Each structure stands twice: as C-alpha cells, then as structure tokens.
Amino acid sequence: MKWAFVDYENVGSLDKVDLSVYARIVLLVGAKQHRLDFGGTKHDKPLNIILIQLKATQSNNLDFHLAYYLGKFDGEAPAGVSFDVISGDNGFTPLIAHIKSNGRPCKQIKPEAKPATPKTTASNDTDKLIRSLVSQPKAKRPQKVTSLRNHIAAQLKLQGNEVAIQGHLNRLERADVLSIAGADVKYKR
C-alpha cells in the first residue's frame, strides 16, 4: 500500500501523477492556489484525498508543512505502507533518507517536467498580453493585481499555474507596460 504526499505548489498540476495507485493522498496546497488542476485524467473510483490548504505565504512554508505531515503519518501508518513524496524540490532528499533509515519505505517522485517553453513562445505570449491590454482604454483594464493575474490566466489559459502567471506579470513590468504599487496596477502605455 502506498500513500502520496504532494507538494502541489511545486508540482502545479496533477496531470502527470497517477493518483489511482495511492490508498491515501495528502495534498498540500499553497495559500494563493485556489484551483486544483487534474488535467485530462478521469478517475472511475473514489480517491482518498486529504486536502491541506495553507493559510500563510512564507518562504518554504509548504515544505515545512509537508515535513510535518510526513512525520505525523509515519507515526500513524501501518508498517506495510510506503510513502511517495511528489515534488520537484530537492530539499526533501535528507528527510526521505532519514525516514527510510528508520524503516519506512519512502521515495521522491518527480513528475515529468513539461517541455521547456521556448523563449519565442514566452515572448509571443507577452506580446499577446500587451496587445490585449493596450487595445482597451486604461479605465477598462484590470486595476488591481488580482484582476490582472486573472486576466493573464484567462488570456493564456494558465488557471492554477501561479508560477507562470507571475512570470508573465514580471515580463509586463520589464516591458514597461505597467507598474505595480501594492495591490494597484498603474499603466504606462
């Protein structure tokens, strides 16, 4: 029997993870992640998911929580249960080695990385965003960072991919299209 501990903040989507092989799935989600992306995968039997959404955003906060739940469930799980840590973060390596040295089968699963987006695609996406924004009067453009992030997600079909959304937001700032002051967006063009 296997249990999964998923660093969703790092993984970003569950489309590359075969959840059906796990008896229990402990899914840790960042405070700013409001949607789960299962991709096109369909499940014809119930999944035993324990969803933990963090309340605070701080550096490595999710990693610390995942480590806590690994320890908690190590103490509760029957001896025959093995743990899979699903994350691309290499910081779990020493903890996994420690759990294994104490007799619990434990390994890290790094979901297949999606192919790197060529720079031309990122540039084309940024150009598309710029065109969609500057084609509207400034008063009709997103005025708050949250609204702009939603606009970026909708335009580029990036719902739930906070890292990609932030990257495009940064590129818009570097292209001198806008600036961000707190929660407000100021347009330069």
C-alpha atoms as a PDB file:
ATOM      1  CA  MET A   1       0.000   0.000   0.000  1.00  0.00           C
ATOM      2  CA  LYS A   2       1.294   3.467  -0.913  1.00  0.00           C
ATOM      3  CA  TRP A   3       0.484   6.928   0.343  1.00  0.00           C
ATOM      4  CA  ALA A   4       1.338  10.105  -1.568  1.00  0.00           C
ATOM      5  CA  PHE A   5       2.416  13.441  -0.113  1.00  0.00           C
ATOM      6  CA  VAL A   6       2.003  16.023  -2.875  1.00  0.00           C
ATOM      7  CA  ASP A   7       3.762  19.400  -2.916  1.00  0.00           C
ATOM      8  CA  TYR A   8       1.114  20.930  -5.209  1.00  0.00           C
ATOM      9  CA  GLU A   9       2.739  24.356  -5.019  1.00  0.00           C
ATOM     10  CA  ASN A  10       5.818  22.831  -6.657  1.00  0.00           C
ATOM     11  CA  VAL A  11       4.069  20.371  -8.982  1.00  0.00           C
ATOM     12  CA  GLY A  12       1.398  22.835 -10.201  1.00  0.00           C
ATOM     13  CA  SER A  13      -0.818  20.196 -11.828  1.00  0.00           C
ATOM     14  CA  LEU A  14      -1.786  16.612 -11.142  1.00  0.00           C
ATOM     15  CA  ASP A  15      -1.995  15.605 -14.800  1.00  0.00           C
ATOM     16  CA  LYS A  16       1.400  13.814 -14.672  1.00  0.00           C
ATOM     17  CA  VAL A  17       0.646  11.957 -11.410  1.00  0.00           C
ATOM     18  CA  ASP A  18      -1.202   8.612 -11.384  1.00  0.00           C
ATOM     19  CA  LEU A  19      -3.289   9.182  -8.265  1.00  0.00           C
ATOM     20  CA  SER A  20      -5.138   5.875  -8.666  1.00  0.00           C
ATOM     21  CA  VAL A  21      -2.148   3.902  -7.310  1.00  0.00           C
ATOM     22  CA  TYR A  22      -2.376   5.533  -3.860  1.00  0.00           C
ATOM     23  CA  ALA A  23      -4.532   4.410  -0.939  1.00  0.00           C
ATOM     24  CA  ARG A  24      -4.220   7.890   0.586  1.00  0.00           C
ATOM     25  CA  ILE A  25      -3.172  11.217  -0.930  1.00  0.00           C
ATOM     26  CA  VAL A  26      -2.086  14.086   1.311  1.00  0.00           C
ATOM     27  CA  LEU A  27      -2.327  17.107  -0.970  1.00  0.00           C
ATOM     28  CA  LEU A  28      -0.696  20.307   0.308  1.00  0.00           C
ATOM     29  CA  VAL A  29      -1.766  23.480  -1.485  1.00  0.00           C
ATOM     30  CA  GLY A  30      -0.345  26.990  -1.141  1.00  0.00           C
ATOM     31  CA  ALA A  31      -2.382  29.836   0.326  1.00  0.00           C
ATOM     32  CA  LYS A  32      -2.752  31.558  -3.056  1.00  0.00           C
ATOM     33  CA  GLN A  33      -3.706  28.452  -5.003  1.00  0.00           C
ATOM     34  CA  HIS A  34      -7.467  28.458  -5.411  1.00  0.00           C
ATOM     35  CA  ARG A  35      -7.895  25.721  -8.021  1.00  0.00           C
ATOM     36  CA  LEU A  36      -6.682  22.173  -8.476  1.00  0.00           C
ATOM     37  CA  ASP A  37      -5.728  21.021 -11.958  1.00  0.00           C
ATOM     38  CA  PHE A  38      -6.244  17.308 -12.572  1.00  0.00           C
ATOM     39  CA  GLY A  39      -5.530  17.743 -16.280  1.00  0.00           C
ATOM     40  CA  GLY A  40      -7.497  15.440 -18.549  1.00  0.00           C
ATOM     41  CA  THR A  41      -7.269  12.485 -16.177  1.00  0.00           C
ATOM     42  CA  LYS A  42     -10.567  10.846 -15.243  1.00  0.00           C
ATOM     43  CA  HIS A  43     -10.936   8.692 -12.125  1.00  0.00           C
ATOM     44  CA  ASP A  44     -13.581   5.974 -12.088  1.00  0.00           C
ATOM     45  CA  LYS A  45     -13.143   5.164  -8.401  1.00  0.00           C
ATOM     46  CA  PRO A  46     -13.053   7.421  -5.339  1.00  0.00           C
ATOM     47  CA  LEU A  47      -9.738   8.947  -4.302  1.00  0.00           C
ATOM     48  CA  ASN A  48      -8.892   9.262  -0.613  1.00  0.00           C
ATOM     49  CA  ILE A  49      -7.539  12.828  -0.633  1.00  0.00           C
ATOM     50  CA  ILE A  50      -6.656  14.807   2.469  1.00  0.00           C
ATOM     51  CA  LEU A  51      -6.529  18.415   1.268  1.00  0.00           C
ATOM     52  CA  ILE A  52      -4.489  20.853   3.320  1.00  0.00           C
ATOM     53  CA  GLN A  53      -4.511  24.459   2.124  1.00  0.00           C
ATOM     54  CA  LEU A  54      -2.078  26.662   3.970  1.00  0.00           C
ATOM     55  CA  LYS A  55      -3.234  29.981   5.382  1.00  0.00           C
ATOM     56  CA  ALA A  56       0.033  31.900   5.218  1.00  0.00           C
ATOM     57  CA  THR A  57       2.548  32.572   2.471  1.00  0.00           C
ATOM     58  CA  GLN A  58       6.163  32.456   3.554  1.00  0.00           C
ATOM     59  CA  SER A  59       9.310  31.018   2.082  1.00  0.00           C
ATOM     60  CA  ASN A  60       9.329  27.203   2.365  1.00  0.00           C
ATOM     61  CA  ASN A  61       6.083  27.210   4.371  1.00  0.00           C
ATOM     62  CA  LEU A  62       4.556  24.379   2.354  1.00  0.00           C
ATOM     63  CA  ASP A  63       7.772  22.348   2.592  1.00  0.00           C
ATOM     64  CA  PHE A  64       7.729  22.605   6.388  1.00  0.00           C
ATOM     65  CA  HIS A  65       4.083  21.529   6.499  1.00  0.00           C
ATOM     66  CA  LEU A  66       4.790  18.579   4.210  1.00  0.00           C
ATOM     67  CA  ALA A  67       7.651  17.525   6.510  1.00  0.00           C
ATOM     68  CA  TYR A  68       5.279  17.779   9.489  1.00  0.00           C
ATOM     69  CA  TYR A  69       2.674  15.535   7.842  1.00  0.00           C
ATOM     70  CA  LEU A  70       5.314  13.014   6.769  1.00  0.00           C
ATOM     71  CA  GLY A  71       6.329  12.683  10.421  1.00  0.00           C
ATOM     72  CA  LYS A  72       2.752  12.644  11.700  1.00  0.00           C
ATOM     73  CA  PHE A  73       1.633   9.931   9.298  1.00  0.00           C
ATOM     74  CA  ASP A  74       4.861   7.953   9.737  1.00  0.00           C
ATOM     75  CA  GLY A  75       3.771   7.506  13.340  1.00  0.00           C
ATOM     76  CA  GLU A  76       0.191   6.555  12.387  1.00  0.00           C
ATOM     77  CA  ALA A  77       0.571   4.443   9.225  1.00  0.00           C
ATOM     78  CA  PRO A  78       0.728   0.644   9.430  1.00  0.00           C
ATOM     79  CA  ALA A  79       4.157  -0.905   8.858  1.00  0.00           C
ATOM     80  CA  GLY A  80       3.377  -2.035   5.284  1.00  0.00           C
ATOM     81  CA  VAL A  81       2.636   1.457   3.963  1.00  0.00           C
ATOM     82  CA  SER A  82       5.272   3.126   1.782  1.00  0.00           C
ATOM     83  CA  PHE A  83       5.422   6.882   1.225  1.00  0.00           C
ATOM     84  CA  ASP A  84       5.937   8.756  -2.053  1.00  0.00           C
ATOM     85  CA  VAL A  85       6.821  12.448  -1.837  1.00  0.00           C
ATOM     86  CA  ILE A  86       5.666  14.033  -5.089  1.00  0.00           C
ATOM     87  CA  SER A  87       7.684  17.186  -5.651  1.00  0.00           C
ATOM     88  CA  GLY A  88      10.412  18.554  -7.859  1.00  0.00           C
ATOM     89  CA  ASP A  89      12.041  20.176  -4.812  1.00  0.00           C
ATOM     90  CA  ASN A  90      15.397  18.564  -3.957  1.00  0.00           C
ATOM     91  CA  GLY A  91      15.190  19.805  -0.365  1.00  0.00           C
ATOM     92  CA  PHE A  92      13.311  16.671   0.709  1.00  0.00           C
ATOM     93  CA  THR A  93      16.227  14.319  -0.021  1.00  0.00           C
ATOM     94  CA  PRO A  94      17.726  14.286   3.535  1.00  0.00           C
ATOM     95  CA  LEU A  95      14.298  13.891   5.159  1.00  0.00           C
ATOM     96  CA  ILE A  96      13.407  10.995   2.853  1.00  0.00           C
ATOM     97  CA  ALA A  97      16.750   9.324   3.656  1.00  0.00           C
ATOM     98  CA  HIS A  98      16.011   9.740   7.383  1.00  0.00           C
ATOM     99  CA  ILE A  99      12.541   8.203   7.072  1.00  0.00           C
ATOM    100  CA  LYS A 100      13.994   5.272   5.113  1.00  0.00           C
ATOM    101  CA  SER A 101      16.739   4.754   7.707  1.00  0.00           C
ATOM    102  CA  ASN A 102      14.001   4.368  10.324  1.00  0.00           C
ATOM    103  CA  GLY A 103      12.370   1.522   8.390  1.00  0.00           C
ATOM    104  CA  ARG A 104       9.616   3.208   6.353  1.00  0.00           C
ATOM    105  CA  PRO A 105       9.889   2.760   2.569  1.00  0.00           C
ATOM    106  CA  CYS A 106       9.941   6.311   1.222  1.00  0.00           C
ATOM    107  CA  LYS A 107      10.983   7.837  -2.074  1.00  0.00           C
ATOM    108  CA  GLN A 108      10.578  11.003  -4.056  1.00  0.00           C
ATOM    109  CA  ILE A 109       8.650  11.078  -7.308  1.00  0.00           C
ATOM    110  CA  LYS A 110       9.430  13.977  -9.609  1.00  0.00           C
ATOM    111  CA  PRO A 111       6.604  14.337 -12.117  1.00  0.00           C
ATOM    112  CA  GLU A 112       7.739  14.529 -15.709  1.00  0.00           C
ATOM    113  CA  ALA A 113       8.741  18.059 -16.414  1.00  0.00           C
ATOM    114  CA  LYS A 114       6.727  19.686 -19.107  1.00  0.00           C
ATOM    115  CA  PRO A 115       8.859  20.610 -22.101  1.00  0.00           C
ATOM    116  CA  ALA A 116      10.612  23.918 -21.638  1.00  0.00           C
ATOM    117  CA  THR A 117       8.752  26.745 -23.274  1.00  0.00           C
ATOM    118  CA  PRO A 118      10.897  28.270 -25.974  1.00  0.00           C
ATOM    119  CA  LYS A 119      11.713  31.918 -25.393  1.00  0.00           C
ATOM    120  CA  THR A 120       9.883  32.842 -28.559  1.00  0.00           C
ATOM    121  CA  THR A 121       6.666  31.431 -27.084  1.00  0.00           C
ATOM    122  CA  ALA A 122       7.097  33.418 -23.868  1.00  0.00           C
ATOM    123  CA  SER A 123       7.831  36.487 -25.949  1.00  0.00           C
ATOM    124  CA  ASN A 124       4.781  35.816 -28.151  1.00  0.00           C
ATOM    125  CA  ASP A 125       2.637  35.362 -25.036  1.00  0.00           C
ATOM    126  CA  THR A 126       3.923  38.643 -23.611  1.00  0.00           C
ATOM    127  CA  ASP A 127       3.181  40.369 -26.930  1.00  0.00           C
ATOM    128  CA  LYS A 128      -0.329  38.884 -26.864  1.00  0.00           C
ATOM    129  CA  LEU A 129      -0.860  40.193 -23.320  1.00  0.00           C
ATOM    130  CA  ILE A 130       0.411  43.649 -24.237  1.00  0.00           C
ATOM    131  CA  ARG A 131      -1.926  43.795 -27.255  1.00  0.00           C
ATOM    132  CA  SER A 132      -4.910  42.655 -25.170  1.00  0.00           C
ATOM    133  CA  LEU A 133      -4.212  45.309 -22.544  1.00  0.00           C
ATOM    134  CA  VAL A 134      -3.316  48.342 -24.655  1.00  0.00           C
ATOM    135  CA  SER A 135      -6.241  47.734 -27.043  1.00  0.00           C
ATOM    136  CA  GLN A 136      -8.568  48.718 -24.186  1.00  0.00           C
ATOM    137  CA  PRO A 137      -8.921  52.164 -22.624  1.00  0.00           C
ATOM    138  CA  LYS A 138      -6.885  52.384 -19.402  1.00  0.00           C
ATOM    139  CA  ALA A 139     -10.069  52.700 -17.329  1.00  0.00           C
ATOM    140  CA  LYS A 140     -11.316  49.310 -18.597  1.00  0.00           C
ATOM    141  CA  ARG A 141      -8.061  47.437 -17.913  1.00  0.00           C
ATOM    142  CA  PRO A 142      -7.549  45.417 -14.711  1.00  0.00           C
ATOM    143  CA  GLN A 143      -6.829  47.945 -11.954  1.00  0.00           C
ATOM    144  CA  LYS A 144      -5.827  45.514  -9.193  1.00  0.00           C
ATOM    145  CA  VAL A 145      -3.051  42.908  -9.227  1.00  0.00           C
ATOM    146  CA  THR A 146      -5.567  40.138  -8.528  1.00  0.00           C
ATOM    147  CA  SER A 147      -7.666  41.164 -11.543  1.00  0.00           C
ATOM    148  CA  LEU A 148      -4.568  41.388 -13.734  1.00  0.00           C
ATOM    149  CA  ARG A 149      -3.450  37.918 -12.643  1.00  0.00           C
ATOM    150  CA  ASN A 150      -6.914  36.605 -13.564  1.00  0.00           C
ATOM    151  CA  HIS A 151      -6.678  38.388 -16.933  1.00  0.00           C
ATOM    152  CA  ILE A 152      -3.281  36.785 -17.629  1.00  0.00           C
ATOM    153  CA  ALA A 153      -4.603  33.337 -16.625  1.00  0.00           C
ATOM    154  CA  ALA A 154      -7.652  33.695 -18.885  1.00  0.00           C
ATOM    155  CA  GLN A 155      -5.733  35.086 -21.883  1.00  0.00           C
ATOM    156  CA  LEU A 156      -3.042  32.389 -21.793  1.00  0.00           C
ATOM    157  CA  LYS A 157      -5.100  29.519 -20.300  1.00  0.00           C
ATOM    158  CA  LEU A 158      -2.882  29.327 -17.203  1.00  0.00           C
ATOM    159  CA  GLN A 159      -5.528  28.820 -14.490  1.00  0.00           C
ATOM    160  CA  GLY A 160      -3.852  27.445 -11.364  1.00  0.00           C
ATOM    161  CA  ASN A 161      -0.288  27.918 -12.659  1.00  0.00           C
ATOM    162  CA  GLU A 162       0.768  30.702 -10.308  1.00  0.00           C
ATOM    163  CA  VAL A 163       4.448  30.487 -11.271  1.00  0.00           C
ATOM    164  CA  ALA A 164       3.723  31.068 -14.981  1.00  0.00           C
ATOM    165  CA  ILE A 165       1.253  33.859 -14.206  1.00  0.00           C
ATOM    166  CA  GLN A 166       3.847  35.619 -12.037  1.00  0.00           C
ATOM    167  CA  GLY A 167       6.438  35.228 -14.799  1.00  0.00           C
ATOM    168  CA  HIS A 168       4.170  36.976 -17.299  1.00  0.00           C
ATOM    169  CA  LEU A 169       3.350  39.685 -14.775  1.00  0.00           C
ATOM    170  CA  ASN A 170       7.094  40.285 -14.303  1.00  0.00           C
ATOM    171  CA  ARG A 171       7.612  40.438 -18.092  1.00  0.00           C
ATOM    172  CA  LEU A 172       4.857  43.051 -18.416  1.00  0.00           C
ATOM    173  CA  GLU A 173       6.652  45.175 -15.825  1.00  0.00           C
ATOM    174  CA  ARG A 174      10.031  44.725 -17.545  1.00  0.00           C
ATOM    175  CA  ALA A 175       8.451  45.676 -20.884  1.00  0.00           C
ATOM    176  CA  ASP A 176       7.480  48.965 -19.181  1.00  0.00           C
ATOM    177  CA  VAL A 177       3.787  48.407 -19.899  1.00  0.00           C
ATOM    178  CA  LEU A 178       2.784  48.805 -16.267  1.00  0.00           C
ATOM    179  CA  SER A 179       3.998  49.143 -12.715  1.00  0.00           C
ATOM    180  CA  ILE A 180       2.647  47.684  -9.513  1.00  0.00           C
ATOM    181  CA  ALA A 181       2.197  49.693  -6.346  1.00  0.00           C
ATOM    182  CA  GLY A 182       0.890  47.481  -3.560  1.00  0.00           C
ATOM    183  CA  ALA A 183      -2.321  45.924  -4.846  1.00  0.00           C
ATOM    184  CA  ASP A 184      -2.783  48.565  -7.579  1.00  0.00           C
ATOM    185  CA  VAL A 185      -1.733  48.436 -11.226  1.00  0.00           C
ATOM    186  CA  LYS A 186      -0.570  51.639 -12.981  1.00  0.00           C
ATOM    187  CA  TYR A 187      -0.368  51.568 -16.783  1.00  0.00           C
ATOM    188  CA  LYS A 188       2.444  53.381 -18.589  1.00  0.00           C
ATOM    189  CA  ARG A 189       1.088  52.893 -22.101  1.00  0.00           C
END
